[in-house]
N, C-alpha and C. Protein backbone atom coordinates (compact mmCIF):
# COMPACT_ATOMS: atom_id res chain seq x y z
N MET A 1 32.84 -8.10 53.19
CA MET A 1 32.84 -8.64 54.60
C MET A 1 32.87 -10.21 54.64
N SER A 2 31.73 -10.84 54.24
CA SER A 2 31.65 -12.04 54.55
C SER A 2 32.74 -13.17 53.58
N SER A 3 32.88 -11.92 52.02
CA SER A 3 34.16 -12.71 51.70
C SER A 3 35.33 -13.21 52.03
N LEU A 4 35.91 -12.26 53.26
CA LEU A 4 36.98 -11.92 53.81
C LEU A 4 36.66 -13.72 54.91
N ILE A 5 34.98 -13.65 56.02
CA ILE A 5 35.33 -14.58 56.36
C ILE A 5 35.28 -16.11 56.01
N LEU A 6 34.67 -15.66 54.74
CA LEU A 6 34.57 -17.38 54.04
C LEU A 6 35.91 -17.67 53.74
N HIS A 7 37.34 -16.96 53.27
CA HIS A 7 38.44 -16.72 52.75
C HIS A 7 39.00 -17.53 54.37
N ILE A 8 38.64 -16.72 55.35
CA ILE A 8 39.34 -17.17 56.47
C ILE A 8 39.03 -18.34 56.82
N PHE A 9 37.83 -18.80 56.38
CA PHE A 9 37.30 -20.10 57.73
C PHE A 9 38.41 -20.88 56.34
N LYS A 10 38.15 -20.71 55.29
CA LYS A 10 39.00 -22.06 54.01
C LYS A 10 40.01 -22.43 54.49
N LEU A 11 41.07 -21.60 55.53
CA LEU A 11 42.08 -21.62 55.55
C LEU A 11 42.63 -22.52 56.89
N LEU A 12 41.30 -22.28 57.49
CA LEU A 12 41.60 -23.18 58.93
C LEU A 12 41.81 -24.55 58.72
N LYS A 13 42.51 -25.21 59.51
CA LYS A 13 42.17 -27.16 59.92
C LYS A 13 40.63 -27.29 59.86
N ASP A 14 40.82 -28.29 59.95
CA ASP A 14 39.48 -29.20 60.26
C ASP A 14 39.09 -29.15 61.64
N TRP A 15 40.51 -29.54 62.22
CA TRP A 15 40.37 -29.64 64.02
C TRP A 15 40.32 -28.18 64.30
N GLN A 16 40.30 -27.32 63.94
CA GLN A 16 40.53 -25.83 64.02
C GLN A 16 39.38 -25.20 64.07
N LYS A 17 38.44 -26.07 62.62
CA LYS A 17 37.25 -25.30 62.74
C LYS A 17 36.22 -25.81 63.69
N ALA A 18 36.88 -26.84 64.55
CA ALA A 18 35.61 -27.98 65.47
C ALA A 18 35.78 -26.95 66.92
N LEU A 19 37.57 -26.94 66.98
CA LEU A 19 37.66 -26.01 68.49
C LEU A 19 36.75 -24.63 68.26
N MET A 20 37.01 -24.01 67.20
CA MET A 20 36.16 -22.81 67.34
C MET A 20 34.61 -23.31 67.47
N PHE A 21 33.93 -23.92 66.42
CA PHE A 21 32.46 -24.21 66.70
C PHE A 21 32.12 -24.98 68.76
N SER A 22 32.89 -25.98 69.01
CA SER A 22 33.23 -26.03 70.78
C SER A 22 32.91 -24.76 71.11
N PHE A 23 33.82 -23.62 70.71
CA PHE A 23 34.47 -22.63 71.74
C PHE A 23 32.02 -21.74 71.34
N VAL A 24 32.48 -21.54 70.70
CA VAL A 24 30.59 -20.92 70.06
C VAL A 24 29.63 -21.56 70.73
N SER A 25 29.67 -22.96 70.85
CA SER A 25 28.53 -23.51 71.10
C SER A 25 28.54 -23.31 73.23
N TYR A 26 29.66 -23.03 73.58
CA TYR A 26 29.89 -23.61 75.05
C TYR A 26 29.62 -21.63 75.54
N MET A 27 29.52 -20.68 74.48
CA MET A 27 29.32 -18.99 74.69
C MET A 27 27.89 -19.47 74.72
N VAL A 28 27.17 -20.34 73.87
CA VAL A 28 26.01 -19.99 74.11
C VAL A 28 25.32 -20.66 75.15
N VAL A 29 25.88 -22.19 75.58
CA VAL A 29 25.18 -22.29 76.88
C VAL A 29 25.52 -21.05 78.49
N LEU A 30 26.39 -20.92 77.88
CA LEU A 30 26.98 -19.60 78.83
C LEU A 30 26.05 -18.00 79.18
N PHE A 31 25.58 -17.77 77.90
CA PHE A 31 24.25 -17.06 77.79
C PHE A 31 23.29 -17.50 78.62
N PHE A 32 22.47 -18.87 78.18
CA PHE A 32 21.50 -18.97 78.70
C PHE A 32 21.78 -19.70 80.45
N ILE A 33 22.85 -19.59 80.74
CA ILE A 33 23.40 -19.62 81.99
C ILE A 33 22.70 -18.27 82.92
N ILE A 34 22.95 -17.46 82.27
CA ILE A 34 23.06 -16.02 82.62
C ILE A 34 21.51 -15.50 82.37
N VAL A 35 21.00 -15.95 81.29
CA VAL A 35 20.27 -15.26 81.36
C VAL A 35 18.99 -16.65 82.23
N ALA A 36 19.14 -17.33 82.86
CA ALA A 36 18.55 -17.94 84.20
C ALA A 36 18.79 -17.80 85.04
N ILE A 37 19.63 -17.14 85.62
CA ILE A 37 20.32 -16.42 86.78
C ILE A 37 19.13 -15.09 87.35
N VAL A 38 19.61 -14.13 85.84
CA VAL A 38 18.60 -13.20 86.14
C VAL A 38 17.63 -13.48 85.83
N PHE A 39 16.75 -14.82 85.92
CA PHE A 39 15.32 -14.70 85.34
C PHE A 39 14.72 -15.13 87.07
N ILE A 40 16.00 -16.09 87.37
CA ILE A 40 15.38 -16.73 88.91
C ILE A 40 16.03 -15.93 89.43
N PHE A 41 16.87 -15.24 89.96
CA PHE A 41 16.79 -14.07 91.16
C PHE A 41 16.33 -12.33 90.81
N THR A 42 15.19 -12.51 89.87
CA THR A 42 14.47 -11.40 89.40
C THR A 42 15.75 -10.23 89.50
N GLY A 43 16.48 -10.05 88.64
CA GLY A 43 17.07 -8.92 88.24
C GLY A 43 18.53 -8.38 88.28
N PHE A 44 19.08 -8.07 86.75
CA PHE A 44 20.54 -7.91 86.79
C PHE A 44 21.24 -7.54 87.96
N SER A 45 21.32 -6.40 87.97
CA SER A 45 21.75 -5.48 88.71
C SER A 45 22.16 -6.09 89.98
N ARG A 46 21.08 -6.31 90.57
CA ARG A 46 21.17 -6.69 92.08
C ARG A 46 22.28 -7.89 92.15
N ASN A 47 22.18 -8.83 90.98
CA ASN A 47 22.84 -10.18 90.99
C ASN A 47 24.28 -10.16 89.77
N LEU A 48 24.64 -8.77 89.53
CA LEU A 48 26.09 -8.26 89.06
C LEU A 48 27.51 -8.84 89.43
N PRO A 49 27.55 -9.66 90.60
CA PRO A 49 28.69 -9.75 91.21
C PRO A 49 28.69 -11.61 91.17
N LEU A 50 27.67 -11.98 91.06
CA LEU A 50 27.63 -13.40 90.56
C LEU A 50 27.38 -13.58 89.79
N ILE A 51 26.50 -12.89 88.21
CA ILE A 51 26.91 -13.18 87.22
C ILE A 51 28.63 -13.21 86.57
N ILE A 52 28.71 -12.20 87.41
CA ILE A 52 30.09 -11.76 86.87
C ILE A 52 31.40 -12.80 87.85
N SER A 53 31.28 -13.72 88.40
CA SER A 53 32.07 -14.56 89.48
C SER A 53 31.79 -16.02 88.13
N ILE A 54 29.98 -16.15 88.33
CA ILE A 54 30.09 -17.61 87.44
C ILE A 54 30.58 -17.22 85.84
N SER A 55 30.80 -16.08 85.25
CA SER A 55 31.18 -16.27 84.38
C SER A 55 32.99 -16.50 83.44
N ALA A 56 33.02 -14.92 84.64
CA ALA A 56 34.79 -15.59 84.90
C ALA A 56 35.01 -17.05 85.35
N GLY A 57 34.44 -17.70 86.59
CA GLY A 57 35.01 -19.18 86.10
C GLY A 57 34.95 -19.99 85.25
N TYR A 58 33.94 -19.70 84.73
CA TYR A 58 33.18 -20.36 83.49
C TYR A 58 34.45 -20.54 82.42
N MET A 59 34.58 -18.82 81.88
CA MET A 59 35.33 -18.48 80.36
C MET A 59 37.25 -19.29 81.45
N SER A 60 37.41 -19.41 82.00
CA SER A 60 38.77 -20.01 82.89
C SER A 60 38.80 -21.12 82.71
N VAL A 61 37.71 -21.81 82.99
CA VAL A 61 37.47 -23.80 82.61
C VAL A 61 37.87 -23.80 81.17
N LEU A 62 36.88 -23.33 80.56
CA LEU A 62 36.78 -23.36 79.20
C LEU A 62 38.18 -23.02 78.43
N ILE A 63 38.65 -21.39 78.40
CA ILE A 63 39.60 -21.24 77.92
C ILE A 63 41.48 -22.34 78.62
N PHE A 64 40.71 -22.81 79.55
CA PHE A 64 42.06 -23.98 79.47
C PHE A 64 42.12 -25.15 79.10
N THR A 65 40.35 -25.79 79.22
CA THR A 65 40.23 -26.79 78.26
C THR A 65 40.22 -26.82 76.70
N LEU A 66 40.41 -25.78 76.31
CA LEU A 66 40.33 -25.31 74.60
C LEU A 66 41.76 -25.68 74.57
N ILE A 67 42.29 -24.80 75.28
CA ILE A 67 43.86 -24.82 75.46
C ILE A 67 45.11 -26.10 74.87
N ILE A 68 44.37 -26.78 76.23
CA ILE A 68 44.81 -28.33 76.39
C ILE A 68 44.48 -28.99 75.26
N SER A 69 42.85 -28.89 74.50
CA SER A 69 42.33 -29.55 72.94
C SER A 69 43.32 -29.16 72.13
N ARG A 70 43.57 -27.95 72.35
CA ARG A 70 44.51 -27.70 70.96
C ARG A 70 45.62 -27.89 70.80
N TYR A 71 46.52 -28.16 72.15
CA TYR A 71 48.27 -28.40 72.46
C TYR A 71 47.59 -30.51 71.12
N LEU A 72 46.76 -30.98 71.94
CA LEU A 72 46.01 -32.45 71.58
C LEU A 72 46.64 -32.10 70.48
N PHE A 73 45.09 -31.53 69.89
CA PHE A 73 44.93 -31.98 68.73
C PHE A 73 45.89 -31.67 67.45
N LYS A 74 46.51 -30.47 68.11
CA LYS A 74 47.61 -30.39 67.11
C LYS A 74 48.96 -31.44 67.32
N ARG A 75 49.17 -31.81 68.41
CA ARG A 75 50.19 -32.55 68.27
C ARG A 75 50.17 -33.91 68.14
N ARG A 76 48.63 -34.47 68.44
CA ARG A 76 47.79 -35.71 68.04
C ARG A 76 47.43 -36.15 66.44
N LEU A 77 47.18 -35.58 65.96
CA LEU A 77 46.90 -35.41 64.36
C LEU A 77 47.97 -35.08 63.52
N VAL A 78 47.54 -35.60 62.48
CA VAL A 78 48.02 -35.75 61.15
C VAL A 78 47.56 -34.21 60.47
N GLU A 79 48.51 -33.32 60.31
CA GLU A 79 48.55 -31.95 59.38
C GLU A 79 48.79 -32.20 58.37
N GLN A 80 47.63 -32.10 57.10
CA GLN A 80 48.11 -32.33 56.02
C GLN A 80 48.78 -31.00 55.47
């Protein structure tokens, strides 16, 4: 399994690796936002609509900016 992941990672271009790293980093930020909301408002089930709405908004903005970044990187950078 790990050899397959390493093979796929080697096939990616540098700008694709950068976008993947950015996506993972932003997901860590979203995780900490959710944890903070749960601890501040003391409870997961009572605040589920709030958590879902924040997560959906965050993910939609993130995906939109990553699509724009992918378009710009692919268009502006010279692919080898």
